[in-house]
Amino acid sequence: MIRRALPHLCLVISVMILVFYGIDRVNHAMNFIGNPVFNTLLLVYALLVIALSVLAIVRDRRGS
């Protein structure tokens, strides 16, 4: 069961991280993320996890 839920959890968490990134870019006073290098790494990480999660969900649905 956790194997099927894990891609969905990764997808939800990645979207949350992207929302925090967007809020930080628009409203600097919130200062969710302060370092520009970390911002770039976080954006790349979130996009990769979203892609991997979508691929895993598609593969899982085709296997069932």
PDB file of N, CA and C in Angstrom:
ATOM      1  N   MET A   1       0.822  -1.196   0.000  1.00  0.00           N
ATOM      2  CA  MET A   1       0.000   0.000   0.000  1.00  0.00           C
ATOM      3  C   MET A   1       0.863   1.255   0.000  1.00  0.00           C
ATOM      4  N   ILE A   2       1.923   1.259   0.799  1.00  0.00           N
ATOM      5  CA  ILE A   2       2.786   2.445   0.846  1.00  0.00           C
ATOM      6  C   ILE A   2       3.471   2.660  -0.500  1.00  0.00           C
ATOM      7  N   ARG A   3       3.712   1.575  -1.229  1.00  0.00           N
ATOM      8  CA  ARG A   3       4.350   1.694  -2.543  1.00  0.00           C
ATOM      9  C   ARG A   3       3.458   2.459  -3.520  1.00  0.00           C
ATOM     10  N   ARG A   4       2.155   2.271  -3.407  1.00  0.00           N
ATOM     11  CA  ARG A   4       1.226   2.994  -4.283  1.00  0.00           C
ATOM     12  C   ARG A   4       0.979   4.418  -3.796  1.00  0.00           C
ATOM     13  N   ALA A   5       1.090   4.656  -2.505  1.00  0.00           N
ATOM     14  CA  ALA A   5       0.820   5.985  -1.950  1.00  0.00           C
ATOM     15  C   ALA A   5       2.033   6.905  -2.051  1.00  0.00           C
ATOM     16  N   LEU A   6       3.229   6.337  -2.089  1.00  0.00           N
ATOM     17  CA  LEU A   6       4.439   7.157  -2.071  1.00  0.00           C
ATOM     18  C   LEU A   6       4.541   8.137  -3.241  1.00  0.00           C
ATOM     19  N   PRO A   7       4.268   7.727  -4.483  1.00  0.00           N
ATOM     20  CA  PRO A   7       4.328   8.727  -5.568  1.00  0.00           C
ATOM     21  C   PRO A   7       3.325   9.872  -5.389  1.00  0.00           C
ATOM     22  N   HIS A   8       2.146   9.557  -4.859  1.00  0.00           N
ATOM     23  CA  HIS A   8       1.152  10.601  -4.631  1.00  0.00           C
ATOM     24  C   HIS A   8       1.621  11.569  -3.545  1.00  0.00           C
ATOM     25  N   LEU A   9       2.216  11.025  -2.501  1.00  0.00           N
ATOM     26  CA  LEU A   9       2.744  11.881  -1.434  1.00  0.00           C
ATOM     27  C   LEU A   9       3.869  12.772  -1.954  1.00  0.00           C
ATOM     28  N   CYS A  10       4.756  12.212  -2.765  1.00  0.00           N
ATOM     29  CA  CYS A  10       5.842  13.001  -3.345  1.00  0.00           C
ATOM     30  C   CYS A  10       5.298  14.116  -4.223  1.00  0.00           C
ATOM     31  N   LEU A  11       4.269  13.808  -4.982  1.00  0.00           N
ATOM     32  CA  LEU A  11       3.668  14.813  -5.852  1.00  0.00           C
ATOM     33  C   LEU A  11       3.054  15.950  -5.038  1.00  0.00           C
ATOM     34  N   VAL A  12       2.332  15.630  -3.993  1.00  0.00           N
ATOM     35  CA  VAL A  12       1.707  16.657  -3.150  1.00  0.00           C
ATOM     36  C   VAL A  12       2.767  17.516  -2.463  1.00  0.00           C
ATOM     37  N   ILE A  13       3.791  16.879  -1.929  1.00  0.00           N
ATOM     38  CA  ILE A  13       4.847  17.637  -1.251  1.00  0.00           C
ATOM     39  C   ILE A  13       5.597  18.518  -2.240  1.00  0.00           C
ATOM     40  N   SER A  14       5.828  18.031  -3.435  1.00  0.00           N
ATOM     41  CA  SER A  14       6.513  18.834  -4.454  1.00  0.00           C
ATOM     42  C   SER A  14       5.707  20.064  -4.830  1.00  0.00           C
ATOM     43  N   VAL A  15       4.397  19.903  -4.963  1.00  0.00           N
ATOM     44  CA  VAL A  15       3.554  21.062  -5.278  1.00  0.00           C
ATOM     45  C   VAL A  15       3.595  22.068  -4.125  1.00  0.00           C
ATOM     46  N   MET A  16       3.602  21.570  -2.905  1.00  0.00           N
ATOM     47  CA  MET A  16       3.712  22.476  -1.753  1.00  0.00           C
ATOM     48  C   MET A  16       5.023  23.259  -1.799  1.00  0.00           C
ATOM     49  N   ILE A  17       6.115  22.571  -2.128  1.00  0.00           N
ATOM     50  CA  ILE A  17       7.412  23.238  -2.199  1.00  0.00           C
ATOM     51  C   ILE A  17       7.394  24.297  -3.297  1.00  0.00           C
ATOM     52  N   LEU A  18       6.785  23.987  -4.435  1.00  0.00           N
ATOM     53  CA  LEU A  18       6.688  24.976  -5.512  1.00  0.00           C
ATOM     54  C   LEU A  18       5.855  26.184  -5.101  1.00  0.00           C
ATOM     55  N   VAL A  19       4.805  25.963  -4.343  1.00  0.00           N
ATOM     56  CA  VAL A  19       3.989  27.081  -3.850  1.00  0.00           C
ATOM     57  C   VAL A  19       4.812  27.951  -2.902  1.00  0.00           C
ATOM     58  N   PHE A  20       5.552  27.325  -1.996  1.00  0.00           N
ATOM     59  CA  PHE A  20       6.416  28.089  -1.089  1.00  0.00           C
ATOM     60  C   PHE A  20       7.465  28.863  -1.877  1.00  0.00           C
ATOM     61  N   TYR A  21       8.006  28.256  -2.921  1.00  0.00           N
ATOM     62  CA  TYR A  21       8.984  28.935  -3.771  1.00  0.00           C
ATOM     63  C   TYR A  21       8.347  30.153  -4.442  1.00  0.00           C
ATOM     64  N   GLY A  22       7.137  29.985  -4.973  1.00  0.00           N
ATOM     65  CA  GLY A  22       6.454  31.099  -5.613  1.00  0.00           C
ATOM     66  C   GLY A  22       6.133  32.219  -4.647  1.00  0.00           C
ATOM     67  N   ILE A  23       5.684  31.870  -3.457  1.00  0.00           N
ATOM     68  CA  ILE A  23       5.397  32.891  -2.440  1.00  0.00           C
ATOM     69  C   ILE A  23       6.661  33.640  -2.063  1.00  0.00           C
ATOM     70  N   ASP A  24       7.761  32.910  -1.937  1.00  0.00           N
ATOM     71  CA  ASP A  24       9.029  33.542  -1.588  1.00  0.00           C
ATOM     72  C   ASP A  24       9.499  34.489  -2.683  1.00  0.00           C
ATOM     73  N   ARG A  25       9.233  34.142  -3.952  1.00  0.00           N
ATOM     74  CA  ARG A  25       9.642  35.010  -5.060  1.00  0.00           C
ATOM     75  C   ARG A  25       8.785  36.278  -5.115  1.00  0.00           C
ATOM     76  N   VAL A  26       7.507  36.186  -4.756  1.00  0.00           N
ATOM     77  CA  VAL A  26       6.604  37.333  -4.838  1.00  0.00           C
ATOM     78  C   VAL A  26       6.726  38.216  -3.601  1.00  0.00           C
ATOM     79  N   ASN A  27       6.747  37.609  -2.432  1.00  0.00           N
ATOM     80  CA  ASN A  27       6.777  38.359  -1.179  1.00  0.00           C
ATOM     81  C   ASN A  27       8.053  38.012  -0.422  1.00  0.00           C
ATOM     82  N   HIS A  28       9.063  38.835  -0.593  1.00  0.00           N
ATOM     83  CA  HIS A  28      10.365  38.554   0.014  1.00  0.00           C
ATOM     84  C   HIS A  28      10.348  38.691   1.541  1.00  0.00           C
ATOM     85  N   ALA A  29       9.370  39.400   2.067  1.00  0.00           N
ATOM     86  CA  ALA A  29       9.287  39.574   3.519  1.00  0.00           C
ATOM     87  C   ALA A  29       8.965  38.248   4.216  1.00  0.00           C
ATOM     88  N   MET A  30       8.299  37.330   3.514  1.00  0.00           N
ATOM     89  CA  MET A  30       7.986  36.031   4.112  1.00  0.00           C
ATOM     90  C   MET A  30       9.263  35.236   4.339  1.00  0.00           C
ATOM     91  N   ASN A  31      10.218  35.360   3.426  1.00  0.00           N
ATOM     92  CA  ASN A  31      11.543  34.763   3.535  1.00  0.00           C
ATOM     93  C   ASN A  31      11.490  33.270   3.888  1.00  0.00           C
ATOM     94  N   PHE A  32      10.690  32.511   3.119  1.00  0.00           N
ATOM     95  CA  PHE A  32      10.663  31.070   3.311  1.00  0.00           C
ATOM     96  C   PHE A  32      12.035  30.481   3.026  1.00  0.00           C
ATOM     97  N   ILE A  33      12.631  30.952   1.967  1.00  0.00           N
ATOM     98  CA  ILE A  33      13.907  30.436   1.519  1.00  0.00           C
ATOM     99  C   ILE A  33      14.790  31.647   1.246  1.00  0.00           C
ATOM    100  N   GLY A  34      15.934  31.703   1.901  1.00  0.00           N
ATOM    101  CA  GLY A  34      16.735  32.914   1.804  1.00  0.00           C
ATOM    102  C   GLY A  34      17.874  32.885   0.809  1.00  0.00           C
ATOM    103  N   ASN A  35      18.399  31.732   0.455  1.00  0.00           N
ATOM    104  CA  ASN A  35      19.594  31.643  -0.362  1.00  0.00           C
ATOM    105  C   ASN A  35      19.231  31.400  -1.825  1.00  0.00           C
ATOM    106  N   PRO A  36      19.752  32.189  -2.768  1.00  0.00           N
ATOM    107  CA  PRO A  36      19.417  32.002  -4.181  1.00  0.00           C
ATOM    108  C   PRO A  36      19.858  30.642  -4.737  1.00  0.00           C
ATOM    109  N   VAL A  37      20.974  30.141  -4.282  1.00  0.00           N
ATOM    110  CA  VAL A  37      21.427  28.823  -4.739  1.00  0.00           C
ATOM    111  C   VAL A  37      20.451  27.749  -4.269  1.00  0.00           C
ATOM    112  N   PHE A  38      20.018  27.851  -3.041  1.00  0.00           N
ATOM    113  CA  PHE A  38      19.049  26.895  -2.507  1.00  0.00           C
ATOM    114  C   PHE A  38      17.723  26.993  -3.254  1.00  0.00           C
ATOM    115  N   ASN A  39      17.322  28.197  -3.621  1.00  0.00           N
ATOM    116  CA  ASN A  39      16.093  28.376  -4.401  1.00  0.00           C
ATOM    117  C   ASN A  39      16.167  27.615  -5.718  1.00  0.00           C
ATOM    118  N   THR A  40      17.286  27.729  -6.411  1.00  0.00           N
ATOM    119  CA  THR A  40      17.448  27.046  -7.693  1.00  0.00           C
ATOM    120  C   THR A  40      17.453  25.534  -7.508  1.00  0.00           C
ATOM    121  N   LEU A  41      18.196  25.056  -6.531  1.00  0.00           N
ATOM    122  CA  LEU A  41      18.242  23.620  -6.271  1.00  0.00           C
ATOM    123  C   LEU A  41      16.876  23.077  -5.869  1.00  0.00           C
ATOM    124  N   LEU A  42      16.165  23.823  -5.080  1.00  0.00           N
ATOM    125  CA  LEU A  42      14.832  23.398  -4.648  1.00  0.00           C
ATOM    126  C   LEU A  42      13.857  23.333  -5.821  1.00  0.00           C
ATOM    127  N   LEU A  43      13.937  24.308  -6.721  1.00  0.00           N
ATOM    128  CA  LEU A  43      13.075  24.311  -7.896  1.00  0.00           C
ATOM    129  C   LEU A  43      13.369  23.099  -8.786  1.00  0.00           C
ATOM    130  N   VAL A  44      14.631  22.835  -9.035  1.00  0.00           N
ATOM    131  CA  VAL A  44      15.006  21.682  -9.855  1.00  0.00           C
ATOM    132  C   VAL A  44      14.552  20.386  -9.195  1.00  0.00           C
ATOM    133  N   TYR A  45      14.769  20.269  -7.893  1.00  0.00           N
ATOM    134  CA  TYR A  45      14.361  19.070  -7.158  1.00  0.00           C
ATOM    135  C   TYR A  45      12.846  18.847  -7.251  1.00  0.00           C
ATOM    136  N   ALA A  46      12.102  19.893  -7.039  1.00  0.00           N
ATOM    137  CA  ALA A  46      10.644  19.760  -7.059  1.00  0.00           C
ATOM    138  C   ALA A  46      10.143  19.356  -8.437  1.00  0.00           C
ATOM    139  N   LEU A  47      10.698  19.932  -9.494  1.00  0.00           N
ATOM    140  CA  LEU A  47      10.276  19.573 -10.848  1.00  0.00           C
ATOM    141  C   LEU A  47      10.636  18.123 -11.177  1.00  0.00           C
ATOM    142  N   LEU A  48      11.811  17.678 -10.735  1.00  0.00           N
ATOM    143  CA  LEU A  48      12.211  16.289 -10.966  1.00  0.00           C
ATOM    144  C   LEU A  48      11.321  15.316 -10.215  1.00  0.00           C
ATOM    145  N   VAL A  49      10.995  15.629  -8.977  1.00  0.00           N
ATOM    146  CA  VAL A  49      10.141  14.738  -8.192  1.00  0.00           C
ATOM    147  C   VAL A  49       8.736  14.678  -8.791  1.00  0.00           C
ATOM    148  N   ILE A  50       8.228  15.801  -9.292  1.00  0.00           N
ATOM    149  CA  ILE A  50       6.919  15.794  -9.938  1.00  0.00           C
ATOM    150  C   ILE A  50       6.953  14.884 -11.166  1.00  0.00           C
ATOM    151  N   ALA A  51       7.988  15.016 -11.978  1.00  0.00           N
ATOM    152  CA  ALA A  51       8.090  14.184 -13.184  1.00  0.00           C
ATOM    153  C   ALA A  51       8.193  12.709 -12.819  1.00  0.00           C
ATOM    154  N   LEU A  52       9.033  12.380 -11.855  1.00  0.00           N
ATOM    155  CA  LEU A  52       9.190  10.988 -11.447  1.00  0.00           C
ATOM    156  C   LEU A  52       7.915  10.431 -10.829  1.00  0.00           C
ATOM    157  N   SER A  53       7.217  11.234 -10.084  1.00  0.00           N
ATOM    158  CA  SER A  53       5.974  10.780  -9.472  1.00  0.00           C
ATOM    159  C   SER A  53       4.906  10.518 -10.523  1.00  0.00           C
ATOM    160  N   VAL A  54       4.794  11.398 -11.494  1.00  0.00           N
ATOM    161  CA  VAL A  54       3.807  11.196 -12.555  1.00  0.00           C
ATOM    162  C   VAL A  54       4.139   9.925 -13.339  1.00  0.00           C
ATOM    163  N   LEU A  55       5.408   9.715 -13.648  1.00  0.00           N
ATOM    164  CA  LEU A  55       5.804   8.504 -14.361  1.00  0.00           C
ATOM    165  C   LEU A  55       5.516   7.249 -13.544  1.00  0.00           C
ATOM    166  N   ALA A  56       5.782   7.293 -12.261  1.00  0.00           N
ATOM    167  CA  ALA A  56       5.516   6.136 -11.404  1.00  0.00           C
ATOM    168  C   ALA A  56       4.016   5.858 -11.287  1.00  0.00           C
ATOM    169  N   ILE A  57       3.207   6.909 -11.219  1.00  0.00           N
ATOM    170  CA  ILE A  57       1.751   6.731 -11.139  1.00  0.00           C
ATOM    171  C   ILE A  57       1.232   6.111 -12.435  1.00  0.00           C
ATOM    172  N   VAL A  58       1.705   6.591 -13.580  1.00  0.00           N
ATOM    173  CA  VAL A  58       1.278   6.036 -14.864  1.00  0.00           C
ATOM    174  C   VAL A  58       1.688   4.572 -14.964  1.00  0.00           C
ATOM    175  N   ARG A  59       2.929   4.267 -14.598  1.00  0.00           N
ATOM    176  CA  ARG A  59       3.421   2.898 -14.662  1.00  0.00           C
ATOM    177  C   ARG A  59       2.630   1.996 -13.731  1.00  0.00           C
ATOM    178  N   ASP A  60       2.296   2.483 -12.558  1.00  0.00           N
ATOM    179  CA  ASP A  60       1.537   1.693 -11.590  1.00  0.00           C
ATOM    180  C   ASP A  60       0.117   1.414 -12.084  1.00  0.00           C
ATOM    181  N   ARG A  61      -0.510   2.394 -12.703  1.00  0.00           N
ATOM    182  CA  ARG A  61      -1.877   2.209 -13.202  1.00  0.00           C
ATOM    183  C   ARG A  61      -1.916   1.256 -14.397  1.00  0.00           C
ATOM    184  N   ARG A  62      -0.887   1.264 -15.213  1.00  0.00           N
ATOM    185  CA  ARG A  62      -0.830   0.344 -16.346  1.00  0.00           C
ATOM    186  C   ARG A  62      -0.566  -1.078 -15.886  1.00  0.00           C
ATOM    187  N   GLY A  63       0.153  -1.234 -14.777  1.00  0.00           N
ATOM    188  CA  GLY A  63       0.468  -2.562 -14.258  1.00  0.00           C
ATOM    189  C   GLY A  63      -0.694  -3.219 -13.569  1.00  0.00           C
ATOM    190  N   SER A  64      -1.686  -2.441 -13.134  1.00  0.00           N
ATOM    191  CA  SER A  64      -2.833  -3.016 -12.400  1.00  0.00           C
ATOM    192  C   SER A  64      -3.868  -3.594 -13.319  1.00  0.00           C
TER     193      SER A  64
END
